[in-house]
Amino acid sequence: MAVIKKLFPVIAAALFAFSGCREAPKGSLVVHKDLDNLIFEALDTENEEKVGMDSLAGKYETYKTEINSDTFGLTVNVDAEVFIPDVEKMSVYRVRQKKITDDFIDNARRLIIGESPLYDAEAVNDSPDPANDDTLNEHKSDGHLRKVTELLDASPESKYYKWQYELNASGEVVYAATDGSDGVYATLYAQNNEEKGNKLSIRKSSSKYDYGTPYGVMVWPQSLDTVSDPGGALPPNTLTNGIIFSSSPTQLPGDTADLSRDAAESEAYGFLSSLGLNEFRIFDGGLFNDIHDIEAGVYYRTYYIFICCRYIDGVPFDQASGTKKYFGDGSDGDYRKLEWPGEYAVVYVNDAGVVGFDYLAPIEVTEKVVDGAALQPFEAVCEVFERMMPVKYVSESVERTVSVARVRLTYSRISEQDSFDTGLIVPVWNFSGYNEAYFSGIKISGDARESVLCINAIDKTVIDPDLGY
């Protein structure tokens, strides 16, 4: 195995011929992506400058380099493990967004909630004692999607459905909950939203203090960032989740996770298989404590959280390229804010079994466009990384230290520039680590690992995480 080690002590003068005040280097980070030309390049296996997986798999261990510039306030330290899948080939696939169906909701609901009846969640939330509230029978729910316009017409005074209409006027939604009379406290939320993405989220608890509230329109996977607690007031591995509280939490009654990780993973895989999601594997996760600041007090739940992504040809499709976004500025009368997030399945497991599930931005693979793509050599990709990191991160006002700890050859989606719901799955190199930024000496980011640069493995172009191409 090779160790790629370089020293790049100063940013090349040819790239940064500037003096005086600190300015970002000129030049576009992302060029227009011609997907037809990209497919042609992927098919060009006779090109001597290209390589196959046999020239990559098992050939590299680490990549080390340094980029330093006091002038531009940027330091990049790379001491990274290189992960290359041990597969015969990586290919190119055409994909499109996939809607959540009522049949899929029914299956997931039965697996997690069982036969407990569902009611409109707004009615459950408004009831002081749902388990003994006969009026809830007027608000029974079948857990199926309805058009947002239909729901608002039926409840024109509902603030919740007015809010949904503002964010999903042409879409579908269901927000339902159990009444807890049988000891099952659960919520179910699903949406098909052309502007924000499609998803299904279910939560279940054995405690009357917690239903969970998976009702937001945003389609993001669970963050696994944990809070630093040197005083020891919190249990270990407590998720941040933006919760601010003033007292030490206590564990929710009945919500424990004493089972082993192997047992928890077995539960998760059995659940995914029952849903027909056999292509998904655990990509990240572990045992966490989740703070719930509710009316009864500050509590925490303990469960395993497994972030799962689709594996294609034995390679994770982990959406390193980010989220495709379109923000209309109103110049043409279009103020929409469209997003196509990455596809993930998230499974929550404790001693009660599977107690939560998110299916986020599902896709449908419609065609294998290239069977065995011609790839760029790793050294050529590293050269692009070293050249483009300063272009991306130099700032007039922010000083930055980027530490790259992992380089992974993986699958990601790139989008058609002029079509919002179709794209290609392609091999990419994802450089990930910690991006510490300081403004006037105050740290403003850098506590969580993130993708710092993503490069198309076929044509060496940099993928913009906001544009999605």
Protein backbone atom coordinates (compact mmCIF):
# COMPACT_ATOMS: atom_id res chain seq x y z
CA MET A 1 0.00 0.00 0.00
CA ALA A 2 1.20 3.49 -0.80
CA VAL A 3 1.30 6.48 1.48
CA ILE A 4 0.83 9.73 -0.39
CA LYS A 5 2.70 12.44 1.47
CA LYS A 6 3.26 15.96 0.21
CA LEU A 7 4.34 19.26 1.66
CA PHE A 8 2.67 22.35 0.27
CA PRO A 9 3.99 25.05 2.62
CA VAL A 10 2.84 28.11 0.69
CA ILE A 11 -0.06 28.73 -1.61
CA ALA A 12 1.22 28.95 -5.15
CA ALA A 13 2.04 32.49 -6.21
CA ALA A 14 0.53 31.87 -9.61
CA LEU A 15 -2.83 31.25 -7.98
CA PHE A 16 -2.68 34.13 -5.52
CA ALA A 17 -0.94 37.10 -7.03
CA PHE A 18 -2.42 39.49 -4.52
CA SER A 19 -1.02 41.94 -2.01
CA GLY A 20 -2.33 44.39 0.57
CA CYS A 21 -5.65 43.47 2.18
CA ARG A 22 -6.70 39.85 2.45
CA GLU A 23 -8.87 38.88 -0.50
CA ALA A 24 -10.30 35.59 -1.63
CA PRO A 25 -8.57 34.20 -4.71
CA LYS A 26 -10.51 34.83 -7.87
CA GLY A 27 -11.92 31.96 -9.86
CA SER A 28 -14.99 29.77 -9.90
CA LEU A 29 -15.11 26.82 -7.57
CA VAL A 30 -17.65 24.97 -9.67
CA VAL A 31 -17.94 24.84 -13.43
CA HIS A 32 -21.03 23.91 -15.43
CA LYS A 33 -21.52 20.14 -15.42
CA ASP A 34 -22.37 18.61 -18.79
CA LEU A 35 -23.75 15.23 -17.73
CA ASP A 36 -23.64 13.83 -21.25
CA ASN A 37 -19.94 14.66 -21.44
CA LEU A 38 -19.46 13.15 -17.97
CA ILE A 39 -21.02 9.90 -19.15
CA PHE A 40 -18.72 9.95 -22.19
CA GLU A 41 -15.71 10.36 -19.91
CA ALA A 42 -16.90 7.50 -17.69
CA LEU A 43 -17.11 5.27 -20.78
CA ASP A 44 -13.57 6.19 -21.89
CA THR A 45 -11.90 3.08 -20.44
CA GLU A 46 -9.25 3.03 -23.19
CA ASN A 47 -7.80 6.36 -22.03
CA GLU A 48 -4.33 5.67 -20.63
CA GLU A 49 -4.69 8.54 -18.15
CA LYS A 50 -7.71 6.85 -16.53
CA VAL A 51 -7.70 3.90 -14.12
CA GLY A 52 -10.02 1.14 -12.97
CA MET A 53 -10.72 -0.09 -9.46
CA ASP A 54 -7.92 -2.65 -9.79
CA SER A 55 -5.48 0.28 -9.76
CA LEU A 56 -7.03 1.82 -6.63
CA ALA A 57 -8.41 -0.83 -4.27
CA GLY A 58 -5.93 -1.71 -1.56
CA LYS A 59 -3.21 0.57 -2.99
CA TYR A 60 -3.38 3.56 -0.62
CA GLU A 61 -3.30 3.86 3.17
CA THR A 62 -2.96 7.53 4.01
CA TYR A 63 -2.71 10.92 2.40
CA LYS A 64 -0.71 13.68 4.08
CA THR A 65 -0.11 17.25 3.03
CA GLU A 66 0.00 20.78 4.43
CA ILE A 67 -1.22 24.09 3.05
CA ASN A 68 -0.20 27.18 5.02
CA SER A 69 -0.71 30.84 4.28
CA ASP A 70 -0.43 33.52 6.94
CA THR A 71 -1.28 36.10 4.28
CA PHE A 72 -4.67 34.59 3.57
CA GLY A 73 -5.45 33.23 7.04
CA LEU A 74 -5.77 29.62 5.93
CA THR A 75 -4.15 26.47 7.27
CA VAL A 76 -4.99 23.03 5.90
CA ASN A 77 -3.58 19.99 7.71
CA VAL A 78 -4.16 16.64 6.03
CA ASP A 79 -3.30 13.46 7.89
CA ALA A 80 -6.02 11.23 6.56
CA GLU A 81 -6.90 7.58 6.30
CA VAL A 82 -7.82 6.65 2.75
CA PHE A 83 -10.82 4.35 2.33
CA ILE A 84 -11.21 2.71 -1.06
CA PRO A 85 -13.86 0.00 -1.50
CA ASP A 86 -12.57 -3.44 -2.42
CA VAL A 87 -14.83 -3.89 -5.44
CA GLU A 88 -14.23 -4.78 -9.07
CA LYS A 89 -15.88 -1.66 -10.50
CA MET A 90 -17.83 1.48 -9.77
CA SER A 91 -20.53 2.53 -12.19
CA VAL A 92 -22.86 5.41 -13.06
CA TYR A 93 -26.62 5.28 -12.45
CA ARG A 94 -29.53 7.54 -13.34
CA VAL A 95 -31.91 8.31 -10.47
CA ARG A 96 -34.99 10.32 -9.61
CA GLN A 97 -36.86 11.28 -6.46
CA LYS A 98 -39.34 8.75 -5.12
CA LYS A 99 -42.58 9.47 -3.29
CA ILE A 100 -43.66 8.00 0.04
CA THR A 101 -46.64 5.67 -0.45
CA ASP A 102 -49.48 4.78 1.91
CA ASP A 103 -48.55 1.09 1.65
CA PHE A 104 -45.03 1.85 2.86
CA ILE A 105 -46.44 3.95 5.72
CA ASP A 106 -48.79 1.11 6.72
CA ASN A 107 -45.96 -1.41 6.81
CA ALA A 108 -43.65 0.78 8.90
CA ARG A 109 -46.49 1.76 11.20
CA ARG A 110 -47.42 -1.86 11.95
CA LEU A 111 -43.79 -2.78 12.64
CA ILE A 112 -43.28 0.05 15.16
CA ILE A 113 -46.67 1.08 16.52
CA GLY A 114 -48.63 -2.13 16.03
CA GLU A 115 -52.41 -1.88 15.86
CA SER A 116 -52.75 1.11 18.19
CA PRO A 117 -55.34 3.50 16.69
CA LEU A 118 -54.19 6.84 15.35
CA TYR A 119 -55.75 10.27 15.68
CA ASP A 120 -54.99 13.68 14.23
CA ALA A 121 -51.89 14.71 16.15
CA GLU A 122 -53.08 18.28 16.59
CA ALA A 123 -56.15 17.01 18.40
CA VAL A 124 -54.01 14.76 20.61
CA ASN A 125 -51.66 17.64 21.39
CA ASP A 126 -54.57 19.89 22.34
CA SER A 127 -56.20 17.33 24.64
CA PRO A 128 -55.31 17.56 28.36
CA ASP A 129 -55.86 13.79 28.78
CA PRO A 130 -55.80 11.97 25.42
CA ALA A 131 -56.15 8.48 26.93
CA ASN A 132 -59.56 9.40 28.40
CA ASP A 133 -60.78 11.86 25.79
CA ASP A 134 -63.79 10.49 23.91
CA THR A 135 -63.84 13.51 21.62
CA LEU A 136 -60.74 12.15 19.88
CA ASN A 137 -63.01 9.67 18.08
CA GLU A 138 -64.01 12.62 15.90
CA HIS A 139 -60.38 12.96 14.81
CA LYS A 140 -59.43 9.39 13.89
CA SER A 141 -56.67 9.02 11.30
CA ASP A 142 -55.85 6.15 8.97
CA GLY A 143 -52.22 7.34 8.83
CA HIS A 144 -52.48 8.00 5.11
CA LEU A 145 -51.32 11.03 3.17
CA ARG A 146 -53.79 13.76 2.26
CA LYS A 147 -53.40 16.83 0.08
CA VAL A 148 -52.45 19.82 2.21
CA THR A 149 -55.17 21.91 0.53
CA GLU A 150 -57.77 19.28 1.49
CA LEU A 151 -56.63 19.26 5.13
CA LEU A 152 -56.67 23.03 5.35
CA ASP A 153 -60.15 23.21 3.81
CA ALA A 154 -61.36 20.76 6.49
CA SER A 155 -59.69 22.75 9.31
CA PRO A 156 -59.40 26.35 8.07
CA GLU A 157 -58.54 27.69 11.54
CA SER A 158 -55.68 25.22 12.10
CA LYS A 159 -52.39 27.07 12.54
CA TYR A 160 -50.56 23.82 11.80
CA TYR A 161 -52.16 23.25 8.40
CA LYS A 162 -51.82 26.93 7.53
CA TRP A 163 -48.10 26.53 8.23
CA GLN A 164 -47.99 23.36 6.13
CA TYR A 165 -49.73 25.18 3.28
CA GLU A 166 -47.09 27.90 3.32
CA LEU A 167 -44.34 25.27 2.94
CA ASN A 168 -46.04 22.52 0.95
CA ALA A 169 -49.04 23.98 -0.84
CA SER A 170 -49.05 21.44 -3.66
CA GLY A 171 -47.98 18.45 -1.60
CA GLU A 172 -49.30 15.76 0.74
CA VAL A 173 -48.92 15.26 4.47
CA VAL A 174 -50.09 13.18 7.42
CA TYR A 175 -49.46 13.99 11.08
CA ALA A 176 -51.01 11.46 13.47
CA ALA A 177 -50.55 10.18 17.02
CA THR A 178 -51.84 7.50 19.38
CA ASP A 179 -53.83 8.44 22.48
CA GLY A 180 -51.64 6.37 24.83
CA SER A 181 -54.57 4.44 26.28
CA ASP A 182 -52.80 1.12 25.58
CA GLY A 183 -49.41 2.31 26.82
CA VAL A 184 -48.11 3.15 23.35
CA TYR A 185 -47.19 6.80 22.91
CA ALA A 186 -46.35 7.34 19.25
CA THR A 187 -46.39 9.90 16.48
CA LEU A 188 -46.31 9.42 12.72
CA TYR A 189 -45.43 12.10 10.19
CA ALA A 190 -45.04 11.77 6.42
CA GLN A 191 -44.86 14.19 3.53
CA ASN A 192 -44.42 14.36 -0.20
CA ASN A 193 -43.06 17.84 -0.69
CA GLU A 194 -41.77 18.92 -4.11
CA GLU A 195 -39.85 21.83 -2.62
CA LYS A 196 -38.25 20.31 0.50
CA GLY A 197 -38.19 16.55 -0.14
CA ASN A 198 -40.17 13.46 0.80
CA LYS A 199 -39.98 11.62 4.11
CA LEU A 200 -41.57 9.37 6.71
CA SER A 201 -40.81 9.70 10.44
CA ILE A 202 -42.20 7.58 13.30
CA ARG A 203 -41.42 7.74 17.03
CA LYS A 204 -42.68 5.52 19.86
CA SER A 205 -42.21 5.65 23.61
CA SER A 206 -43.47 3.69 26.59
CA SER A 207 -43.62 6.87 28.67
CA LYS A 208 -46.62 9.19 28.87
CA TYR A 209 -44.18 12.06 29.09
CA ASP A 210 -42.91 11.65 25.56
CA TYR A 211 -44.58 11.20 22.22
CA GLY A 212 -41.72 12.58 20.17
CA THR A 213 -42.40 15.30 17.62
CA PRO A 214 -41.20 14.32 14.12
CA TYR A 215 -43.41 16.81 12.32
CA GLY A 216 -41.08 19.31 10.63
CA VAL A 217 -40.90 19.68 6.86
CA MET A 218 -37.09 19.74 6.71
CA VAL A 219 -35.52 16.49 5.53
CA TRP A 220 -32.28 16.05 7.46
CA PRO A 221 -30.76 12.97 9.08
CA GLN A 222 -30.34 12.85 12.84
CA SER A 223 -27.21 14.67 13.99
CA LEU A 224 -24.89 12.46 16.04
CA ASP A 225 -22.96 15.39 17.52
CA THR A 226 -22.64 15.11 21.29
CA VAL A 227 -22.38 17.88 23.85
CA SER A 228 -19.20 18.44 25.85
CA ASP A 229 -20.05 18.23 29.56
CA PRO A 230 -16.92 18.51 31.72
CA GLY A 231 -19.05 19.02 34.84
CA GLY A 232 -20.65 15.60 34.53
CA ALA A 233 -24.26 16.79 34.83
CA LEU A 234 -25.27 14.91 31.69
CA PRO A 235 -25.17 11.21 30.86
CA PRO A 236 -22.42 10.17 28.42
CA ASN A 237 -22.95 10.61 24.66
CA THR A 238 -25.72 13.15 25.09
CA LEU A 239 -26.86 14.55 21.76
CA THR A 240 -26.69 18.31 21.39
CA ASN A 241 -29.89 18.82 19.34
CA GLY A 242 -29.82 22.51 20.22
CA ILE A 243 -31.46 21.88 23.61
CA ILE A 244 -30.77 24.44 26.35
CA PHE A 245 -31.77 23.40 29.86
CA SER A 246 -31.06 24.43 33.43
CA SER A 247 -31.24 21.17 35.38
CA SER A 248 -29.80 17.68 35.23
CA PRO A 249 -32.08 15.36 33.26
CA THR A 250 -33.53 12.09 34.51
CA GLN A 251 -34.17 9.02 32.39
CA LEU A 252 -37.64 8.60 30.95
CA PRO A 253 -39.38 5.67 32.67
CA GLY A 254 -39.24 2.48 30.65
CA ASP A 255 -36.84 3.80 28.02
CA THR A 256 -33.63 1.86 28.54
CA ALA A 257 -31.09 0.35 26.16
CA ASP A 258 -29.18 -2.40 27.94
CA LEU A 259 -29.02 -4.65 24.88
CA SER A 260 -25.68 -5.10 23.10
CA ARG A 261 -24.78 -3.23 19.93
CA ASP A 262 -24.82 -6.52 17.97
CA ALA A 263 -28.35 -7.19 19.17
CA ALA A 264 -29.41 -3.65 18.32
CA GLU A 265 -27.94 -3.90 14.83
CA SER A 266 -29.74 -7.20 14.31
CA GLU A 267 -33.03 -5.49 15.25
CA ALA A 268 -32.32 -2.66 12.82
CA TYR A 269 -31.46 -4.94 9.91
CA GLY A 270 -34.52 -7.11 10.53
CA PHE A 271 -36.69 -4.01 10.49
CA LEU A 272 -35.16 -2.67 7.26
CA SER A 273 -35.56 -6.08 5.62
CA SER A 274 -39.25 -6.15 6.57
CA LEU A 275 -39.64 -2.84 4.77
CA GLY A 276 -37.86 -4.12 1.68
CA LEU A 277 -34.86 -1.87 2.28
CA ASN A 278 -32.32 -4.66 1.94
CA GLU A 279 -29.80 -2.43 0.11
CA PHE A 280 -29.35 -0.28 3.21
CA ARG A 281 -26.54 -0.82 5.67
CA ILE A 282 -25.46 0.95 8.84
CA PHE A 283 -23.03 3.70 7.91
CA ASP A 284 -22.70 5.49 11.25
CA GLY A 285 -24.20 5.33 14.71
CA GLY A 286 -23.96 4.15 18.29
CA LEU A 287 -25.58 4.42 21.72
CA PHE A 288 -26.79 7.92 22.60
CA ASN A 289 -28.81 9.82 25.17
CA ASP A 290 -31.38 12.23 23.79
CA ILE A 291 -32.55 15.17 25.91
CA HIS A 292 -36.28 15.94 25.95
CA ASP A 293 -37.21 19.23 27.60
CA ILE A 294 -40.94 18.76 28.09
CA GLU A 295 -43.68 20.14 30.31
CA ALA A 296 -43.11 17.49 32.98
CA GLY A 297 -39.40 18.33 33.24
CA VAL A 298 -36.07 17.57 31.61
CA TYR A 299 -35.69 13.90 30.71
CA TYR A 300 -33.50 11.81 28.46
CA ARG A 301 -34.09 8.72 26.36
CA THR A 302 -31.41 6.14 25.68
CA TYR A 303 -31.28 4.31 22.37
CA TYR A 304 -29.03 3.19 19.58
CA ILE A 305 -29.23 5.44 16.54
CA PHE A 306 -28.10 3.93 13.26
CA ILE A 307 -27.65 6.13 10.19
CA CYS A 308 -28.11 3.84 7.21
CA CYS A 309 -27.45 4.50 3.55
CA ARG A 310 -28.02 2.54 0.39
CA TYR A 311 -25.08 0.41 -0.77
CA ILE A 312 -24.63 0.04 -4.53
CA ASP A 313 -22.18 -2.55 -5.86
CA GLY A 314 -20.92 -2.87 -2.26
CA VAL A 315 -20.15 0.87 -2.08
CA PRO A 316 -22.00 3.30 0.22
CA PHE A 317 -24.19 5.92 -1.42
CA ASP A 318 -23.59 8.42 1.37
CA GLN A 319 -24.43 11.64 -0.49
CA ALA A 320 -21.10 13.35 0.12
CA SER A 321 -21.98 15.93 -2.53
CA GLY A 322 -24.45 17.66 -0.24
CA THR A 323 -27.97 18.90 -0.88
CA LYS A 324 -29.12 20.31 -4.21
CA LYS A 325 -30.68 23.70 -3.57
CA TYR A 326 -32.36 26.35 -5.65
CA PHE A 327 -33.11 29.71 -4.12
CA GLY A 328 -35.14 31.93 -6.41
CA ASP A 329 -34.27 35.60 -5.90
CA GLY A 330 -37.56 36.84 -7.25
CA SER A 331 -36.01 38.39 -10.36
CA ASP A 332 -38.26 36.25 -12.52
CA GLY A 333 -41.13 36.15 -10.06
CA ASP A 334 -39.84 32.92 -8.52
CA TYR A 335 -39.14 33.08 -4.77
CA ARG A 336 -39.18 29.34 -4.18
CA LYS A 337 -36.54 27.61 -2.10
CA LEU A 338 -36.14 24.09 -3.46
CA GLU A 339 -34.01 21.40 -1.84
CA TRP A 340 -33.17 17.81 -2.76
CA PRO A 341 -31.52 16.30 0.34
CA GLY A 342 -29.56 13.07 0.49
CA GLU A 343 -31.27 9.70 0.93
CA TYR A 344 -30.93 8.07 4.37
CA ALA A 345 -32.75 5.62 6.61
CA VAL A 346 -32.34 6.19 10.36
CA VAL A 347 -33.33 3.48 12.84
CA TYR A 348 -33.70 3.98 16.62
CA VAL A 349 -33.44 0.85 18.80
CA ASN A 350 -33.66 0.24 22.57
CA ASP A 351 -34.80 -2.58 24.84
CA ALA A 352 -38.36 -2.22 23.49
CA GLY A 353 -37.15 -2.91 19.94
CA VAL A 354 -37.35 -0.39 17.09
CA VAL A 355 -38.76 2.81 18.60
CA GLY A 356 -38.07 5.24 15.78
CA PHE A 357 -37.55 5.42 12.05
CA ASP A 358 -36.85 8.08 9.44
CA TYR A 359 -36.89 7.42 5.69
CA LEU A 360 -35.51 10.55 4.12
CA ALA A 361 -35.53 11.68 0.48
CA PRO A 362 -35.94 8.20 -1.05
CA ILE A 363 -34.68 7.71 -4.59
CA GLU A 364 -35.44 5.33 -7.43
CA VAL A 365 -32.58 3.97 -9.53
CA THR A 366 -33.94 4.00 -13.07
CA GLU A 367 -30.96 2.98 -15.21
CA LYS A 368 -27.35 1.86 -15.09
CA VAL A 369 -25.78 4.32 -17.52
CA VAL A 370 -22.15 3.13 -17.34
CA ASP A 371 -21.13 -0.36 -16.20
CA GLY A 372 -17.62 0.08 -14.83
CA ALA A 373 -16.55 3.72 -15.06
CA ALA A 374 -13.11 5.00 -16.05
CA LEU A 375 -11.72 6.88 -13.04
CA GLN A 376 -9.10 9.52 -12.40
CA PRO A 377 -5.87 8.45 -10.63
CA PHE A 378 -5.82 9.29 -6.93
CA GLU A 379 -2.74 11.49 -7.37
CA ALA A 380 -4.60 13.63 -9.90
CA VAL A 381 -7.50 14.03 -7.48
CA CYS A 382 -5.09 15.11 -4.71
CA GLU A 383 -3.66 17.79 -6.99
CA VAL A 384 -7.17 19.19 -7.49
CA PHE A 385 -7.76 19.11 -3.73
CA GLU A 386 -4.59 21.11 -3.04
CA ARG A 387 -5.39 23.65 -5.74
CA MET A 388 -9.06 24.15 -4.86
CA MET A 389 -9.03 24.22 -1.05
CA PRO A 390 -7.69 27.79 -1.00
CA VAL A 391 -10.17 28.83 -3.67
CA LYS A 392 -13.01 27.54 -1.51
CA TYR A 393 -11.90 28.65 1.94
CA VAL A 394 -9.83 31.84 1.78
CA SER A 395 -11.85 34.73 3.19
CA GLU A 396 -11.29 38.43 3.82
CA SER A 397 -12.71 38.31 7.34
CA VAL A 398 -12.46 34.70 8.55
CA GLU A 399 -9.36 32.82 9.60
CA ARG A 400 -9.64 29.10 9.13
CA THR A 401 -7.91 25.85 10.04
CA VAL A 402 -9.10 22.78 8.14
CA SER A 403 -8.03 19.35 9.42
CA VAL A 404 -8.76 16.47 7.04
CA ALA A 405 -8.94 13.09 8.76
CA ARG A 406 -10.59 10.86 6.18
CA VAL A 407 -10.63 10.49 2.40
CA ARG A 408 -13.27 8.12 1.04
CA LEU A 409 -14.06 6.90 -2.46
CA THR A 410 -17.81 6.54 -2.39
CA TYR A 411 -21.01 7.08 -4.36
CA SER A 412 -22.89 10.36 -4.39
CA ARG A 413 -25.59 12.05 -6.42
CA ILE A 414 -25.03 14.92 -8.80
CA SER A 415 -28.01 16.71 -10.21
CA GLU A 416 -29.13 17.84 -13.60
CA GLN A 417 -28.65 21.60 -13.73
CA ASP A 418 -32.01 22.22 -15.40
CA SER A 419 -34.04 19.39 -13.83
CA PHE A 420 -34.61 19.41 -10.12
CA ASP A 421 -35.74 15.84 -9.44
CA THR A 422 -33.36 13.79 -11.62
CA GLY A 423 -29.63 13.16 -11.49
CA LEU A 424 -26.77 10.68 -11.65
CA ILE A 425 -25.09 8.56 -9.00
CA VAL A 426 -21.35 8.76 -9.62
CA PRO A 427 -18.10 7.83 -7.82
CA VAL A 428 -16.69 10.73 -5.80
CA TRP A 429 -13.75 11.40 -3.51
CA ASN A 430 -14.95 12.88 -0.23
CA PHE A 431 -12.41 14.72 1.93
CA SER A 432 -13.86 15.09 5.43
CA GLY A 433 -12.67 16.53 8.72
CA TYR A 434 -12.96 19.60 10.91
CA ASN A 435 -13.34 23.11 9.58
CA GLU A 436 -12.51 25.54 12.39
CA ALA A 437 -13.36 29.12 11.50
CA TYR A 438 -12.60 32.21 13.59
CA PHE A 439 -14.07 35.68 13.22
CA SER A 440 -12.23 38.39 15.21
CA GLY A 441 -10.69 35.62 17.29
CA ILE A 442 -14.04 34.01 18.14
CA LYS A 443 -14.63 30.43 17.03
CA ILE A 444 -17.74 30.25 14.86
CA SER A 445 -17.62 26.65 13.56
CA GLY A 446 -15.64 23.43 13.56
CA ASP A 447 -16.91 21.14 16.33
CA ALA A 448 -18.43 18.54 14.02
CA ARG A 449 -16.87 16.49 11.25
CA GLU A 450 -18.04 17.54 7.82
CA SER A 451 -17.25 17.17 4.16
CA VAL A 452 -14.69 19.86 3.37
CA LEU A 453 -14.36 19.09 -0.34
CA CYS A 454 -15.98 16.60 -2.70
CA ILE A 455 -14.40 15.81 -6.09
CA ASN A 456 -15.97 13.88 -8.94
CA ALA A 457 -13.84 10.75 -9.44
CA ILE A 458 -14.56 10.66 -13.18
CA ASP A 459 -13.69 14.19 -14.36
CA LYS A 460 -12.01 15.77 -11.28
CA THR A 461 -14.58 18.58 -11.04
CA VAL A 462 -15.42 19.97 -7.61
CA ILE A 463 -19.01 19.42 -6.51
CA ASP A 464 -20.73 22.35 -4.83
CA PRO A 465 -22.69 21.04 -1.78
CA ASP A 466 -25.43 23.63 -2.32
CA LEU A 467 -25.83 23.29 -6.07
CA GLY A 468 -25.53 19.51 -6.01
CA TYR A 469 -23.36 19.42 -9.15
